[in-house]
Structures are given as structure tokens and as C-alpha cells.
Amino acid sequence: MVATDFWHWQGVSGWFEDADFIYVEANHDRELLRANPNPRSHFHLSNENCGRLLRHALGRSRNLPQAVMLGHLSEIRNRLTLARDTVLGILDGSPYRNLPLHIAPRYEPSREVQIFA
């Protein structure tokens, strides 16, 4: 499943269930968005909502993905560590907190993520 440029996760969470691989945006941190407003951020998923989406979809999945990659991070309104820590914090205490979580680099290809059938 690959999904970016949406802000309301509840209508699409079913698409993420039982995916082998998930690439999803964690576009912005809400505090950095307040400090650096951008009206277009309304169309992007925050770190918190990304974590909520993953927790909800994974909780309904029969099989967990082999990996999750966070992408489409805003350069000004997010930080790699903020995105990762926020999502992992929301997944903490759940059975999928140890799921491999990757962050897509902004300006170069990511490392290869192998998915086995």
C-alpha cells in the first residue's frame, strides 16, 4: 500500500489492512506547523494521525506488514526523529511496536526494502 496527500485517515484505514508493505506519509508535526503555517498542510497526514492510522489498520489486520516506510515528510514542518518517535510512541505497548519502520529520505532513493511472499 502506498498512500500520500490525504489528511483524514479514518476513511481509508481499511486499505492498509493485511498489506505486505506500507508506505504512508507522516507529513508534519503539529507544533512545527503552528510555527511555520502552510494552508496546503490541510491535505497532508500529521505524524500523530499517521500513527493512529497504523495502529488502527494493524489492529484489524490478520497479517502484519513486513515493513512500514514513512515518507513525504515536510522539510520545514517535520523532523525525521519527530516522525519516527511520534509514530512509535503511538504504537508503543501494542503487539506491532517492533514492526520494521523506515523513513524515506527526501532527496535520494531509499534503501531497498525486501518483501518476501
C-alpha atoms as a PDB file:
ATOM      1  CA  MET A   1       0.000   0.000   0.000  1.00  0.00           C
ATOM      2  CA  VAL A   2       1.335   3.419  -0.967  1.00  0.00           C
ATOM      3  CA  ALA A   3      -0.587   6.488   0.180  1.00  0.00           C
ATOM      4  CA  THR A   4       0.210  10.205   0.383  1.00  0.00           C
ATOM      5  CA  ASP A   5      -1.627  13.522   0.138  1.00  0.00           C
ATOM      6  CA  PHE A   6      -4.601  12.827   2.343  1.00  0.00           C
ATOM      7  CA  TRP A   7      -5.483  14.116   5.777  1.00  0.00           C
ATOM      8  CA  HIS A   8      -8.448  12.132   7.016  1.00  0.00           C
ATOM      9  CA  TRP A   9      -7.228   8.615   7.801  1.00  0.00           C
ATOM     10  CA  GLN A  10     -10.437   7.060   9.086  1.00  0.00           C
ATOM     11  CA  GLY A  11     -11.998   6.716   5.638  1.00  0.00           C
ATOM     12  CA  VAL A  12      -9.027   4.864   4.197  1.00  0.00           C
ATOM     13  CA  SER A  13      -7.754   2.719   7.068  1.00  0.00           C
ATOM     14  CA  GLY A  14      -9.248  -0.458   5.578  1.00  0.00           C
ATOM     15  CA  TRP A  15      -6.966  -0.170   2.566  1.00  0.00           C
ATOM     16  CA  PHE A  16      -3.965  -0.669   4.859  1.00  0.00           C
ATOM     17  CA  GLU A  17      -5.207  -3.865   6.468  1.00  0.00           C
ATOM     18  CA  ASP A  18      -3.215  -7.004   5.655  1.00  0.00           C
ATOM     19  CA  ALA A  19      -0.760  -5.113   3.432  1.00  0.00           C
ATOM     20  CA  ASP A  20       2.672  -6.704   2.918  1.00  0.00           C
ATOM     21  CA  PHE A  21       4.322  -3.267   2.831  1.00  0.00           C
ATOM     22  CA  ILE A  22       3.044   0.187   3.773  1.00  0.00           C
ATOM     23  CA  TYR A  23       4.437   3.496   2.526  1.00  0.00           C
ATOM     24  CA  VAL A  24       2.478   6.285   4.160  1.00  0.00           C
ATOM     25  CA  GLU A  25       3.039   9.960   4.686  1.00  0.00           C
ATOM     26  CA  ALA A  26       3.908  11.430   8.042  1.00  0.00           C
ATOM     27  CA  ASN A  27       3.982  14.933   6.639  1.00  0.00           C
ATOM     28  CA  HIS A  28       4.156  17.287   9.575  1.00  0.00           C
ATOM     29  CA  ASP A  29       4.478  17.809  13.286  1.00  0.00           C
ATOM     30  CA  ARG A  30       1.619  19.928  14.605  1.00  0.00           C
ATOM     31  CA  GLU A  31       3.858  22.241  16.658  1.00  0.00           C
ATOM     32  CA  LEU A  32       6.196  22.879  13.724  1.00  0.00           C
ATOM     33  CA  LEU A  33       3.149  23.512  11.535  1.00  0.00           C
ATOM     34  CA  ARG A  34       1.923  26.142  14.015  1.00  0.00           C
ATOM     35  CA  ALA A  35       5.343  27.802  13.931  1.00  0.00           C
ATOM     36  CA  ASN A  36       5.552  27.556  10.109  1.00  0.00           C
ATOM     37  CA  PRO A  37       1.984  27.715   8.755  1.00  0.00           C
ATOM     38  CA  ASN A  38       1.126  26.237   5.386  1.00  0.00           C
ATOM     39  CA  PRO A  39      -2.512  26.078   4.251  1.00  0.00           C
ATOM     40  CA  ARG A  40      -1.714  23.113   1.994  1.00  0.00           C
ATOM     41  CA  SER A  41      -0.828  21.040   5.063  1.00  0.00           C
ATOM     42  CA  HIS A  42      -4.569  20.605   5.496  1.00  0.00           C
ATOM     43  CA  PHE A  43      -4.267  17.987   2.740  1.00  0.00           C
ATOM     44  CA  HIS A  44      -1.497  16.019   4.455  1.00  0.00           C
ATOM     45  CA  LEU A  45      -1.358  13.496   7.266  1.00  0.00           C
ATOM     46  CA  SER A  46       0.275  14.633  10.510  1.00  0.00           C
ATOM     47  CA  ASN A  47       2.692  12.414  12.409  1.00  0.00           C
ATOM     48  CA  GLU A  48       0.024  11.776  15.044  1.00  0.00           C
ATOM     49  CA  ASN A  49      -2.626  10.816  12.528  1.00  0.00           C
ATOM     50  CA  CYS A  50      -0.159   8.577  10.717  1.00  0.00           C
ATOM     51  CA  GLY A  51       0.443   6.725  13.975  1.00  0.00           C
ATOM     52  CA  ARG A  52      -3.293   6.466  14.636  1.00  0.00           C
ATOM     53  CA  LEU A  53      -3.916   5.148  11.139  1.00  0.00           C
ATOM     54  CA  LEU A  54      -1.230   2.494  11.514  1.00  0.00           C
ATOM     55  CA  ARG A  55      -2.398   1.442  14.975  1.00  0.00           C
ATOM     56  CA  HIS A  56      -5.996   1.131  13.761  1.00  0.00           C
ATOM     57  CA  ALA A  57      -5.216  -0.697  10.498  1.00  0.00           C
ATOM     58  CA  LEU A  58      -2.649  -3.033  12.034  1.00  0.00           C
ATOM     59  CA  GLY A  59      -5.023  -3.817  14.872  1.00  0.00           C
ATOM     60  CA  ARG A  60      -7.556  -5.081  12.322  1.00  0.00           C
ATOM     61  CA  SER A  61      -5.040  -6.995  10.202  1.00  0.00           C
ATOM     62  CA  ARG A  62      -4.736 -10.762  10.229  1.00  0.00           C
ATOM     63  CA  ASN A  63      -1.143 -10.412   8.982  1.00  0.00           C
ATOM     64  CA  LEU A  64       1.226  -7.572   9.748  1.00  0.00           C
ATOM     65  CA  PRO A  65       3.238  -5.880   7.009  1.00  0.00           C
ATOM     66  CA  GLN A  66       6.843  -6.917   6.646  1.00  0.00           C
ATOM     67  CA  ALA A  67       7.837  -3.238   6.816  1.00  0.00           C
ATOM     68  CA  VAL A  68       6.427   0.262   7.057  1.00  0.00           C
ATOM     69  CA  MET A  69       8.053   3.308   5.485  1.00  0.00           C
ATOM     70  CA  LEU A  70       7.173   6.860   6.462  1.00  0.00           C
ATOM     71  CA  GLY A  71       7.529   9.353   3.651  1.00  0.00           C
ATOM     72  CA  HIS A  72       6.512  12.731   2.295  1.00  0.00           C
ATOM     73  CA  LEU A  73       7.950  14.450   5.378  1.00  0.00           C
ATOM     74  CA  SER A  74       7.884  18.224   5.177  1.00  0.00           C
ATOM     75  CA  GLU A  75      11.363  19.710   5.265  1.00  0.00           C
ATOM     76  CA  ILE A  76      10.279  22.712   7.363  1.00  0.00           C
ATOM     77  CA  ARG A  77       7.381  21.268   9.330  1.00  0.00           C
ATOM     78  CA  ASN A  78       8.844  17.929  10.372  1.00  0.00           C
ATOM     79  CA  ARG A  79      12.000  16.145  11.506  1.00  0.00           C
ATOM     80  CA  LEU A  80      12.933  12.518  10.910  1.00  0.00           C
ATOM     81  CA  THR A  81      13.211  11.848  14.625  1.00  0.00           C
ATOM     82  CA  LEU A  82       9.878  13.567  15.362  1.00  0.00           C
ATOM     83  CA  ALA A  83       8.044  11.480  12.783  1.00  0.00           C
ATOM     84  CA  ARG A  84       9.634   8.216  13.912  1.00  0.00           C
ATOM     85  CA  ASP A  85       9.263   8.888  17.641  1.00  0.00           C
ATOM     86  CA  THR A  86       5.667  10.078  17.336  1.00  0.00           C
ATOM     87  CA  VAL A  87       4.556   7.057  15.309  1.00  0.00           C
ATOM     88  CA  LEU A  88       6.474   4.614  17.520  1.00  0.00           C
ATOM     89  CA  GLY A  89       5.038   6.303  20.616  1.00  0.00           C
ATOM     90  CA  ILE A  90       1.504   5.699  19.355  1.00  0.00           C
ATOM     91  CA  LEU A  91       2.364   2.073  18.530  1.00  0.00           C
ATOM     92  CA  ASP A  92       4.111   1.552  21.883  1.00  0.00           C
ATOM     93  CA  GLY A  93       2.544  -1.093  24.035  1.00  0.00           C
ATOM     94  CA  SER A  94       0.856  -2.737  21.071  1.00  0.00           C
ATOM     95  CA  PRO A  95       1.804  -6.102  19.580  1.00  0.00           C
ATOM     96  CA  TYR A  96       3.227  -4.370  16.484  1.00  0.00           C
ATOM     97  CA  ARG A  97       5.537  -1.874  18.175  1.00  0.00           C
ATOM     98  CA  ASN A  98       8.581  -3.814  16.885  1.00  0.00           C
ATOM     99  CA  LEU A  99       7.487  -3.663  13.261  1.00  0.00           C
ATOM    100  CA  PRO A 100      10.366  -2.568  10.976  1.00  0.00           C
ATOM    101  CA  LEU A 101       9.872   1.187  10.484  1.00  0.00           C
ATOM    102  CA  HIS A 102      11.854   3.014   7.793  1.00  0.00           C
ATOM    103  CA  ILE A 103      11.978   6.707   6.926  1.00  0.00           C
ATOM    104  CA  ALA A 104      12.174   7.633   3.242  1.00  0.00           C
ATOM    105  CA  PRO A 105      14.939  10.161   2.557  1.00  0.00           C
ATOM    106  CA  ARG A 106      13.861  13.440   0.993  1.00  0.00           C
ATOM    107  CA  TYR A 107      16.397  13.819  -1.788  1.00  0.00           C
ATOM    108  CA  GLU A 108      17.682  10.381  -2.683  1.00  0.00           C
ATOM    109  CA  PRO A 109      16.388   6.868  -3.177  1.00  0.00           C
ATOM    110  CA  SER A 110      15.714   4.880  -0.054  1.00  0.00           C
ATOM    111  CA  ARG A 111      17.467   1.676   0.797  1.00  0.00           C
ATOM    112  CA  GLU A 112      15.928  -1.407  -0.706  1.00  0.00           C
ATOM    113  CA  VAL A 113      13.200  -2.986   1.417  1.00  0.00           C
ATOM    114  CA  GLN A 114      12.750  -6.642   0.595  1.00  0.00           C
ATOM    115  CA  ILE A 115       9.295  -8.176   0.835  1.00  0.00           C
ATOM    116  CA  PHE A 116       9.013 -11.939   0.732  1.00  0.00           C
ATOM    117  CA  ALA A 117       5.858 -13.665  -0.443  1.00  0.00           C
END
